[in-house]
Structures are given as C-alpha cells and as structure tokens.
Amino acid sequence: MEAKTTATGPSHDILFCILSRLPLKAVVRCCCVSKFWNHVIKSPEFRHLHSAQLPTDPDSKLLFLSRRMLRENVISISPMNLASYQLHISDNSISNLVSSLEWNLVGACNGFLCFASADHDCVLICNPITKEFVTLPKSTRHSPLPLVTAYGFGFDSASEKYKVVRLSYSKEPGEDDNVNQKVSAEVCTVGVTGSWRPVPDFLQPPYGLPVYASGFLHWAVHPFFFGPARIVSFDLGKEESVITHHPEFGLKFSIVELGGCLSVVDLRKPTLIEIWVLKDRSSNNWEQEYILPVGAPLGLDKRHSRLITISELDGVLLIWLQDAIFTYDRRTLSRKKMRIQGLPSWLDWEILCGYRPNLAPLRGDCERSGKSTDVAYFKSDLEICSQPAISSQIVDRSSGKRDGIISCFIKNQMLA
C-alpha cells in the first residue's frame, strides 16, 4: 500500500524516508516543526537508519568542553568552527552535563563520549546530541594498594558493540624499573547485561589518553619503560593487547588519529614536525604524510610536550602547540597562524578532536534510570544561566540571627 500525504503533512513513511537523507544539522532543526516530526526523529529505528546512512567523513570535528562549579559540576559541550583562520567557540552549547561527581573525559567514538569519575568508581557514556547516557556496572576488582587507572573506549565492528577497557597497575614505573609492569585489564561491553570481565594482561604499561582507529585502541608506552616498541594496542574484536610496530622515532612523540588511521607525530626536532600514518595494519605499511616547519620554541615548559594536539578539520591540518596554533593546507602548502575566539575566563577546559556527531541511540540493558539519573543529567543553556552560582545567608553578627538568603546568578557572563 502506497504511503500518502495527509492534510497536515506527509505520512510517517514518507517523512521517515525524507528525513533519513538529510544532514544531521537539518534533522535536529526539524525536531521543532511539530510533535509528530519530533516523535519520528527520536524513534530508535530512525536514528539507527540515519546513522547508518551518514557518509564516511574522514574529517573530524572539534568539541570544546568547559567545566564550572555551580551547585554541582557542569560540563558544557560546545562546537568549534573554523572560518577565516579563526577558531570560534559557539555561544550555544550542544548540551550541558550536570552531576554531583567530577568527571574526566577518557574517550570518544562515533559521536559518543566516555567519562570516568575522578574516583574511578563510575563510567558514563553519552551522546551529547540526543542527550542520552548510560552508566556501566561498577568494577568488582579491588586492591589494597593505590592503583594507576586508565581507560579506553571504541567500537568492535565484528560484534557491532561499543566496549570500554579498564587498565590498572599498582604503581607508576620509576626510572630504575627496567622490567615489565603487570597491567591488569578488564572489558565491559556497552548494552550487554553483565559486569566487567577480565582479559589477558597488557604487555606494557600505557601512558596518556588512547587513540581509537580501525577497531584498535592505541596507547603510547610509558616513557620510563625501556624497550624498542613505543606503542601498545588493544584489539577490540579479539580482546587482547598487541605491540604495534612502527618506524624509528625519538622519545618525544605523540599518537593521534588522522583520517581514521593511527598516526605518529615525531617531535624530536625542535623546528620540524614529522607525521607518519599507518595506512595498512596487516602489512604494517607506514607512510610519511607531512613534514611541517614550526619554528623554534620560545620559553616553553620543557616538562611537557610542545604539541597539544593535531587534527584534520575541513580538509586542513590543525596544529596546536604550547606557543602557537596554526593551519597547514597541503593543497596550497600554506601555513597560517590562528586565533581562538570565545575562550572562557576560567581555565578548566579542554578541546576534543576526532568527534563525529550522529543520532545513534544508546541501546541495551545498561542502567538508564533510577540510580543513573542521580549520577548525572542534562540541562539547557537557559537553565544553566539561571542556576544559582553562589548562595549565602545574611547573619547579624551581634544577635546571630539569620535575616535572609542572597542568591547570585550568572546571566550573560555577569554575576547578578
């Protein structure tokens, strides 16, 4: 039976077909047309179909995450746009994650963000576009010794499931430790009833945040470990760690994801950045994609890497250093220094590379209500702006009598 339009608009089937072909930004705007359109767009069937039909975009987007303390911890998630050699932070955030806990971003994959609480007792995965989130079961592993804990988050294409990897070892390796550290590993599959399950120990201790590329999570090996291999990876399908062989480079390096591939940024030369890209993992085919002149560093803190991050944005390479940020266009071989507009006055913020937004639903049997809503929830910009930032009572010092309450609000970047 053919779908027909009605007096009030297209039928469900026709609307479903039309909307599934629109870009994500247009679909989100269509939610405001009517309750019927909003119902169609928010259905799991539509969101799964729309995410499956999205074209493969090698260019990732940038997200700006800022943290504030109002009555609770607030993480505002905003897009960053590149125009006229300026990075502009949008005034309107995608969403605001509010919680009594302090969260650290530990991974991003296919539009989903993974956070771990500061005490490593809770893991939360959310889609900032749809404002859905799930919390994972608590780990049953406990140790009397203080643990160094690291996380990884990625997608297993074989099972079509998202997985979180939790790594822990008893202490930070020291400069005199020339032996393997025992790194315990466990995995939790998002959307599957159950708990964390142990997997074989990692071959070497990880360092820093992981990079997800081509079904693997990649970490740099801890710099205090002396060995020829500097990258340890985790196969999300086989659930085992492997050593990723690579070209020879110095101790100063970073790993990033460019165009969906694992890439190594060699920083051993103070005035050059060399970027190697793993084109084919099966044959271990690395190619040198870029050699970028960046100029000599001036007055930098040598305890930290000069490079903050590298990403691809709209076909242009974006290089962020401690002392500068600039773009490099391989087509024209031009390099331009950039400015950032819209940085907040507070210092607790970070920029996330490799974000590819989608409407995919969070499916499965993870916790969605009850205790989950107590852990975190989302608020709009309007609700955040009108939320009291400071509350105090007026006290008469002579009598000790409380006369009233003063509430301060943040409105249009002003304290009222």
Protein backbone atom coordinates (compact mmCIF):
# COMPACT_ATOMS: atom_id res chain seq x y z
CA MET A 1 0.00 0.00 0.00
CA GLU A 2 1.48 3.34 -1.07
CA ALA A 3 2.18 5.96 1.53
CA LYS A 4 0.17 9.13 1.04
CA THR A 5 0.39 12.65 2.30
CA THR A 6 -2.28 13.94 4.63
CA ALA A 7 -3.87 17.35 5.00
CA THR A 8 -1.47 18.15 7.83
CA GLY A 9 1.68 16.92 6.11
CA PRO A 10 3.49 13.83 4.82
CA SER A 11 2.71 10.42 6.23
CA HIS A 12 5.01 8.58 8.60
CA ASP A 13 6.69 6.50 5.86
CA ILE A 14 7.27 9.45 3.52
CA LEU A 15 8.61 11.64 6.33
CA PHE A 16 10.82 8.80 7.53
CA CYS A 17 12.30 8.44 4.03
CA ILE A 18 12.87 12.17 3.51
CA LEU A 19 14.40 12.91 6.90
CA SER A 20 16.77 9.94 6.76
CA ARG A 21 18.51 11.59 3.78
CA LEU A 22 19.05 14.96 5.41
CA PRO A 23 22.31 16.02 7.09
CA LEU A 24 22.44 15.83 10.86
CA LYS A 25 22.16 19.59 11.46
CA ALA A 26 18.98 19.81 9.39
CA VAL A 27 17.44 16.80 11.14
CA VAL A 28 17.99 18.34 14.57
CA ARG A 29 16.26 21.54 13.43
CA CYS A 30 13.31 19.52 12.13
CA CYS A 31 12.59 18.33 15.67
CA CYS A 32 10.98 21.73 16.31
CA VAL A 33 8.49 21.51 13.40
CA SER A 34 5.83 19.51 15.26
CA LYS A 35 5.33 16.83 17.87
CA PHE A 36 4.82 14.27 15.10
CA TRP A 37 8.14 15.12 13.41
CA ASN A 38 9.89 15.10 16.80
CA HIS A 39 8.41 11.65 17.54
CA VAL A 40 9.63 10.26 14.21
CA ILE A 41 13.14 11.68 14.58
CA LYS A 42 13.56 10.46 18.16
CA SER A 43 12.45 6.91 17.41
CA PRO A 44 15.32 4.38 17.72
CA GLU A 45 14.53 2.99 14.25
CA PHE A 46 15.00 6.37 12.57
CA ARG A 47 18.17 7.26 14.46
CA HIS A 48 19.76 3.91 13.69
CA LEU A 49 18.88 4.26 9.97
CA HIS A 50 20.12 7.86 9.79
CA SER A 51 23.43 6.97 11.46
CA ALA A 52 23.92 4.04 9.06
CA GLN A 53 23.31 6.29 6.03
CA LEU A 54 25.70 9.03 7.09
CA PRO A 55 28.58 9.28 4.59
CA THR A 56 32.00 8.33 5.86
CA ASP A 57 33.62 11.63 6.75
CA PRO A 58 37.39 11.42 7.24
CA ASP A 59 37.42 14.92 8.74
CA SER A 60 36.61 15.04 12.42
CA LYS A 61 35.04 17.89 14.31
CA LEU A 62 36.26 19.80 17.34
CA LEU A 63 34.39 19.99 20.62
CA PHE A 64 35.09 22.44 23.40
CA LEU A 65 34.46 21.11 26.92
CA SER A 66 34.47 23.60 29.77
CA ARG A 67 33.94 22.82 33.45
CA ARG A 68 32.28 25.01 36.03
CA MET A 69 31.17 24.54 39.60
CA LEU A 70 27.72 25.91 40.30
CA ARG A 71 25.63 23.97 42.77
CA GLU A 72 27.00 20.90 41.00
CA ASN A 73 29.72 20.15 38.47
CA VAL A 74 28.75 21.32 34.97
CA ILE A 75 30.47 20.22 31.75
CA SER A 76 29.36 22.40 28.84
CA ILE A 77 29.91 20.79 25.42
CA SER A 78 30.17 23.29 22.55
CA PRO A 79 31.15 23.01 18.86
CA MET A 80 34.17 24.79 17.44
CA ASN A 81 34.11 26.20 13.91
CA LEU A 82 36.97 27.15 11.60
CA ALA A 83 36.47 30.28 9.49
CA SER A 84 38.85 32.95 8.14
CA TYR A 85 41.78 31.44 10.03
CA GLN A 86 39.98 31.76 13.34
CA LEU A 87 38.63 29.08 15.63
CA HIS A 88 35.35 30.23 17.08
CA ILE A 89 33.71 28.60 20.09
CA SER A 90 29.95 28.63 19.68
CA ASP A 91 27.95 30.66 22.17
CA ASN A 92 25.28 27.94 22.18
CA SER A 93 26.40 24.64 23.67
CA ILE A 94 25.26 21.29 22.34
CA SER A 95 24.44 20.14 25.85
CA ASN A 96 25.39 20.63 29.49
CA LEU A 97 26.17 17.57 31.60
CA VAL A 98 25.38 18.21 35.27
CA SER A 99 26.48 15.92 38.09
CA SER A 100 27.49 15.84 41.72
CA LEU A 101 30.56 13.84 40.63
CA GLU A 102 33.71 15.12 39.00
CA TRP A 103 34.17 13.56 35.53
CA ASN A 104 37.20 13.13 33.28
CA LEU A 105 36.84 12.60 29.54
CA VAL A 106 38.57 9.30 28.68
CA GLY A 107 37.43 8.60 25.11
CA ALA A 108 35.27 9.47 22.12
CA CYS A 109 34.00 7.25 19.31
CA ASN A 110 31.38 7.75 16.59
CA GLY A 111 29.64 10.60 18.35
CA PHE A 112 29.66 9.05 21.82
CA LEU A 113 31.69 10.47 24.71
CA CYS A 114 33.04 8.33 27.55
CA PHE A 115 33.63 9.81 31.00
CA ALA A 116 35.10 8.25 34.15
CA SER A 117 34.55 9.68 37.61
CA ALA A 118 37.58 11.09 39.38
CA ASP A 119 37.49 8.24 41.92
CA HIS A 120 37.26 5.66 39.05
CA ASP A 121 34.12 4.24 40.63
CA CYS A 122 31.73 5.09 37.78
CA VAL A 123 31.87 5.18 33.96
CA LEU A 124 29.33 7.12 31.90
CA ILE A 125 28.78 7.09 28.12
CA CYS A 126 26.63 9.74 26.47
CA ASN A 127 25.53 11.12 23.13
CA PRO A 128 25.56 14.92 23.57
CA ILE A 129 23.33 15.38 20.52
CA THR A 130 20.46 13.21 21.77
CA LYS A 131 21.28 13.83 25.47
CA GLU A 132 21.08 10.11 26.23
CA PHE A 133 23.53 8.39 28.54
CA VAL A 134 24.16 5.08 30.25
CA THR A 135 26.28 4.15 33.25
CA LEU A 136 28.30 0.95 33.33
CA PRO A 137 28.32 -1.55 36.20
CA LYS A 138 30.97 -0.98 38.85
CA SER A 139 34.16 -2.98 38.66
CA THR A 140 34.49 -5.76 41.22
CA ARG A 141 38.27 -5.61 41.24
CA HIS A 142 39.74 -4.08 44.38
CA SER A 143 43.32 -3.69 45.53
CA PRO A 144 44.74 -2.64 48.90
CA LEU A 145 47.46 -0.76 47.02
CA PRO A 146 46.94 2.55 45.20
CA LEU A 147 46.29 1.91 41.51
CA VAL A 148 47.09 3.80 38.35
CA THR A 149 43.95 3.50 36.23
CA ALA A 150 43.49 4.15 32.51
CA TYR A 151 40.51 3.74 30.18
CA GLY A 152 39.84 3.20 26.51
CA PHE A 153 36.59 3.39 24.52
CA GLY A 154 35.96 2.10 21.00
CA PHE A 155 33.76 0.18 18.56
CA ASP A 156 34.06 -3.52 17.71
CA SER A 157 32.82 -3.84 14.11
CA ALA A 158 32.58 -7.65 14.32
CA SER A 159 30.01 -7.65 17.13
CA GLU A 160 28.76 -4.11 16.35
CA LYS A 161 29.15 -3.25 20.02
CA TYR A 162 30.92 -0.48 21.88
CA LYS A 163 33.44 -1.57 24.50
CA VAL A 164 35.20 0.11 27.40
CA VAL A 165 38.64 -1.15 28.51
CA ARG A 166 39.85 -0.53 32.06
CA LEU A 167 43.56 -0.90 32.82
CA SER A 168 45.21 -0.77 36.22
CA TYR A 169 48.63 -1.35 37.70
CA SER A 170 49.93 -0.97 41.22
CA LYS A 171 52.32 1.92 40.87
CA GLU A 172 53.88 4.33 38.43
CA PRO A 173 57.03 2.87 36.85
CA GLY A 174 60.20 4.52 38.15
CA GLU A 175 63.31 5.49 36.26
CA ASP A 176 65.12 2.43 37.64
CA ASP A 177 62.38 -0.02 36.60
CA ASN A 178 63.56 -1.86 33.52
CA VAL A 179 61.03 -4.66 33.84
CA ASN A 180 57.50 -5.18 32.65
CA GLN A 181 54.82 -3.86 34.92
CA LYS A 182 51.85 -6.16 35.43
CA VAL A 183 48.93 -4.30 33.87
CA SER A 184 45.56 -5.87 34.65
CA ALA A 185 42.84 -5.39 32.04
CA GLU A 186 39.08 -5.84 32.01
CA VAL A 187 36.40 -5.10 29.42
CA CYS A 188 32.76 -4.09 29.63
CA THR A 189 30.52 -4.27 26.54
CA VAL A 190 28.02 -1.41 26.35
CA GLY A 191 24.43 -2.60 26.10
CA VAL A 192 25.04 -6.14 27.34
CA THR A 193 23.76 -7.27 30.73
CA GLY A 194 26.61 -8.27 32.98
CA SER A 195 29.72 -6.80 34.52
CA TRP A 196 33.36 -6.21 33.75
CA ARG A 197 35.15 -9.36 32.63
CA PRO A 198 38.91 -9.94 32.90
CA VAL A 199 41.04 -10.25 29.76
CA PRO A 200 44.76 -11.09 29.40
CA ASP A 201 47.15 -8.62 31.00
CA PHE A 202 48.61 -5.84 28.91
CA LEU A 203 52.10 -6.35 27.53
CA GLN A 204 53.40 -2.95 28.62
CA PRO A 205 52.12 -0.08 30.81
CA PRO A 206 50.18 2.60 28.89
CA TYR A 207 50.69 6.34 29.06
CA GLY A 208 48.28 9.16 28.32
CA LEU A 209 44.94 9.02 26.56
CA PRO A 210 44.34 6.30 23.93
CA VAL A 211 43.64 6.76 20.24
CA TYR A 212 40.88 4.74 18.57
CA ALA A 213 41.46 3.75 14.93
CA SER A 214 40.35 0.81 12.76
CA GLY A 215 38.99 -1.36 15.56
CA PHE A 216 42.01 -0.91 17.85
CA LEU A 217 42.76 1.24 20.87
CA HIS A 218 46.32 2.54 20.89
CA TRP A 219 48.41 3.89 23.77
CA ALA A 220 51.92 5.22 23.96
CA VAL A 221 54.08 3.02 26.19
CA HIS A 222 55.05 4.63 29.48
CA PRO A 223 58.27 6.66 28.92
CA PHE A 224 60.01 5.01 31.89
CA PHE A 225 59.80 1.63 30.17
CA PHE A 226 62.96 0.89 28.20
CA GLY A 227 62.19 -1.03 25.01
CA PRO A 228 62.16 -0.65 21.23
CA ALA A 229 58.34 -0.71 20.92
CA ARG A 230 56.67 2.55 21.89
CA ILE A 231 53.02 1.76 21.03
CA VAL A 232 50.82 -0.87 22.69
CA SER A 233 47.40 -1.59 21.19
CA PHE A 234 44.24 -3.45 22.14
CA ASP A 235 42.26 -5.47 19.58
CA LEU A 236 38.61 -4.84 20.45
CA GLY A 237 37.50 -7.90 18.47
CA LYS A 238 39.93 -10.45 19.94
CA GLU A 239 40.11 -8.57 23.27
CA GLU A 240 43.88 -8.87 23.60
CA SER A 241 46.80 -6.47 23.61
CA VAL A 242 49.41 -6.44 20.86
CA ILE A 243 52.56 -4.47 20.08
CA THR A 244 52.22 -2.12 17.10
CA HIS A 245 55.48 -1.95 15.19
CA HIS A 246 56.39 1.45 13.82
CA PRO A 247 59.18 3.44 12.14
CA GLU A 248 62.05 4.56 14.32
CA PHE A 249 61.44 7.82 16.14
CA GLY A 250 62.69 9.51 19.29
CA LEU A 251 61.31 9.60 22.80
CA LYS A 252 59.43 12.84 22.10
CA PHE A 253 56.37 11.81 20.13
CA SER A 254 52.57 11.78 20.23
CA ILE A 255 49.97 9.47 18.72
CA VAL A 256 46.83 10.85 17.07
CA GLU A 257 44.08 9.75 14.70
CA LEU A 258 44.08 11.34 11.24
CA GLY A 259 41.56 10.30 8.59
CA GLY A 260 40.59 7.21 10.57
CA CYS A 261 44.21 5.96 10.77
CA LEU A 262 46.71 5.73 13.62
CA SER A 263 49.37 8.40 13.19
CA VAL A 264 52.65 9.14 14.97
CA VAL A 265 53.87 12.72 15.38
CA ASP A 266 57.67 12.74 15.73
CA LEU A 267 58.78 15.71 17.84
CA ARG A 268 62.48 15.02 18.24
CA LYS A 269 63.45 18.00 16.03
CA PRO A 270 62.67 21.38 17.64
CA THR A 271 61.82 23.13 14.35
CA LEU A 272 60.12 20.29 12.43
CA ILE A 273 57.12 18.03 12.96
CA GLU A 274 57.10 14.73 11.07
CA ILE A 275 53.84 12.79 10.80
CA TRP A 276 53.73 9.08 9.93
CA VAL A 277 50.40 7.40 9.13
CA LEU A 278 49.66 3.65 9.42
CA LYS A 279 47.95 3.03 6.06
CA ASP A 280 47.61 -0.76 6.35
CA ARG A 281 47.89 -2.57 9.65
CA SER A 282 48.05 -6.08 8.16
CA SER A 283 51.21 -5.23 6.21
CA ASN A 284 52.42 -2.65 8.76
CA ASN A 285 52.62 -0.04 5.99
CA TRP A 286 53.59 3.35 7.40
CA GLU A 287 53.85 6.42 5.16
CA GLN A 288 55.29 9.81 5.95
CA GLU A 289 52.43 12.21 5.24
CA TYR A 290 53.74 15.54 6.49
CA ILE A 291 56.97 17.37 7.27
CA LEU A 292 55.98 20.68 8.84
CA PRO A 293 58.27 23.59 9.78
CA VAL A 294 57.03 25.04 13.06
CA GLY A 295 59.81 27.34 14.18
CA ALA A 296 61.98 27.15 17.28
CA PRO A 297 60.11 27.04 20.61
CA LEU A 298 60.44 30.03 22.90
CA GLY A 299 60.09 29.98 26.67
CA LEU A 300 58.22 26.69 26.94
CA ASP A 301 57.84 24.40 29.91
CA LYS A 302 60.10 21.52 28.85
CA ARG A 303 58.43 19.15 31.31
CA HIS A 304 55.51 18.89 28.87
CA SER A 305 55.34 18.14 25.17
CA ARG A 306 55.28 21.15 22.89
CA LEU A 307 52.47 19.56 20.88
CA ILE A 308 48.98 19.71 22.39
CA THR A 309 47.05 18.14 19.52
CA ILE A 310 46.81 17.71 15.76
CA SER A 311 43.58 17.14 13.85
CA GLU A 312 42.05 17.45 10.42
CA LEU A 313 39.24 19.98 10.04
CA ASP A 314 37.54 20.63 6.69
CA GLY A 315 40.50 19.23 4.76
CA VAL A 316 43.03 21.39 6.62
CA LEU A 317 45.55 20.20 9.19
CA LEU A 318 45.20 21.99 12.52
CA ILE A 319 48.34 22.03 14.67
CA TRP A 320 48.10 23.20 18.27
CA LEU A 321 51.36 23.85 20.12
CA GLN A 322 52.05 25.32 23.53
CA ASP A 323 53.19 28.56 21.94
CA ALA A 324 51.04 28.80 18.81
CA ILE A 325 48.19 27.35 16.81
CA PHE A 326 48.16 27.31 13.03
CA THR A 327 46.71 25.56 10.00
CA TYR A 328 48.51 23.80 7.19
CA ASP A 329 46.85 23.27 3.80
CA ARG A 330 48.65 20.54 1.87
CA ARG A 331 46.95 21.58 -1.38
CA THR A 332 48.46 25.07 -1.32
CA LEU A 333 51.38 24.33 1.06
CA SER A 334 50.32 27.39 3.03
CA ARG A 335 50.67 27.82 6.78
CA LYS A 336 48.62 30.35 8.70
CA LYS A 337 48.75 31.30 12.35
CA MET A 338 45.37 31.33 14.04
CA ARG A 339 43.48 32.91 16.88
CA ILE A 340 40.74 31.47 19.09
CA GLN A 341 37.61 33.45 19.85
CA GLY A 342 35.29 32.72 22.72
CA LEU A 343 37.65 31.21 25.30
CA PRO A 344 36.13 31.41 28.79
CA SER A 345 37.78 33.35 31.56
CA TRP A 346 38.17 30.24 33.73
CA LEU A 347 40.97 27.77 32.99
CA ASP A 348 39.27 24.39 33.39
CA TRP A 349 38.59 23.46 29.76
CA GLU A 350 39.81 21.11 27.06
CA ILE A 351 39.40 20.58 23.33
CA LEU A 352 38.35 17.21 21.95
CA CYS A 353 39.47 16.13 18.48
CA GLY A 354 38.06 13.25 16.49
CA TYR A 355 34.38 13.91 17.21
CA ARG A 356 31.91 12.77 14.53
CA PRO A 357 28.34 13.55 15.62
CA ASN A 358 25.41 11.22 14.95
CA LEU A 359 21.91 10.38 16.18
CA ALA A 360 22.66 6.75 17.02
CA PRO A 361 20.68 5.56 20.05
CA LEU A 362 22.24 4.04 23.11
CA ARG A 363 20.72 0.57 23.11
CA GLY A 364 20.98 -2.25 25.61
CA ASP A 365 20.40 -3.13 29.23
CA CYS A 366 22.80 -0.73 30.92
CA GLU A 367 21.38 1.46 33.67
CA ARG A 368 19.27 4.29 32.24
CA SER A 369 17.08 5.40 35.11
CA GLY A 370 16.89 5.27 38.88
CA LYS A 371 20.48 5.47 40.08
CA SER A 372 21.62 6.74 36.65
CA THR A 373 19.53 9.91 36.88
CA ASP A 374 21.07 10.52 40.30
CA VAL A 375 24.56 10.26 38.80
CA ALA A 376 24.08 12.87 36.06
CA TYR A 377 21.53 14.67 33.91
CA PHE A 378 21.45 17.25 31.09
CA LYS A 379 20.35 20.89 31.24
CA SER A 380 19.82 23.56 28.59
CA ASP A 381 21.84 26.78 28.35
CA LEU A 382 18.86 28.72 29.68
CA GLU A 383 18.60 26.50 32.75
CA ILE A 384 22.35 26.77 33.37
CA CYS A 385 22.35 30.59 33.04
CA SER A 386 19.57 30.94 35.59
CA GLN A 387 21.05 28.44 38.05
CA PRO A 388 22.34 29.96 41.32
CA ALA A 389 26.11 30.03 41.39
CA ILE A 390 26.58 31.13 44.98
CA SER A 391 24.17 31.09 47.92
CA SER A 392 24.81 32.51 51.34
CA GLN A 393 22.90 33.73 54.35
CA ILE A 394 22.93 37.18 55.88
CA VAL A 395 23.84 36.88 59.56
CA ASP A 396 23.55 39.65 62.12
CA ARG A 397 26.86 39.34 64.00
CA SER A 398 25.51 40.91 67.17
CA SER A 399 22.48 38.64 67.52
CA GLY A 400 23.45 35.73 65.32
CA LYS A 401 20.04 35.98 63.64
CA ARG A 402 19.76 34.88 60.03
CA ASP A 403 17.84 37.56 58.17
CA GLY A 404 17.70 36.17 54.66
CA ILE A 405 19.40 34.45 51.77
CA ILE A 406 21.40 36.01 48.98
CA SER A 407 21.48 34.14 45.67
CA CYS A 408 23.87 35.06 42.89
CA PHE A 409 23.11 34.17 39.28
CA ILE A 410 25.29 34.03 36.21
CA LYS A 411 23.49 35.86 33.38
CA ASN A 412 25.10 36.96 30.14
CA GLN A 413 28.55 36.37 31.65
CA MET A 414 27.75 38.73 34.53
CA LEU A 415 27.28 37.92 38.19
CA ALA A 416 23.94 39.30 39.42
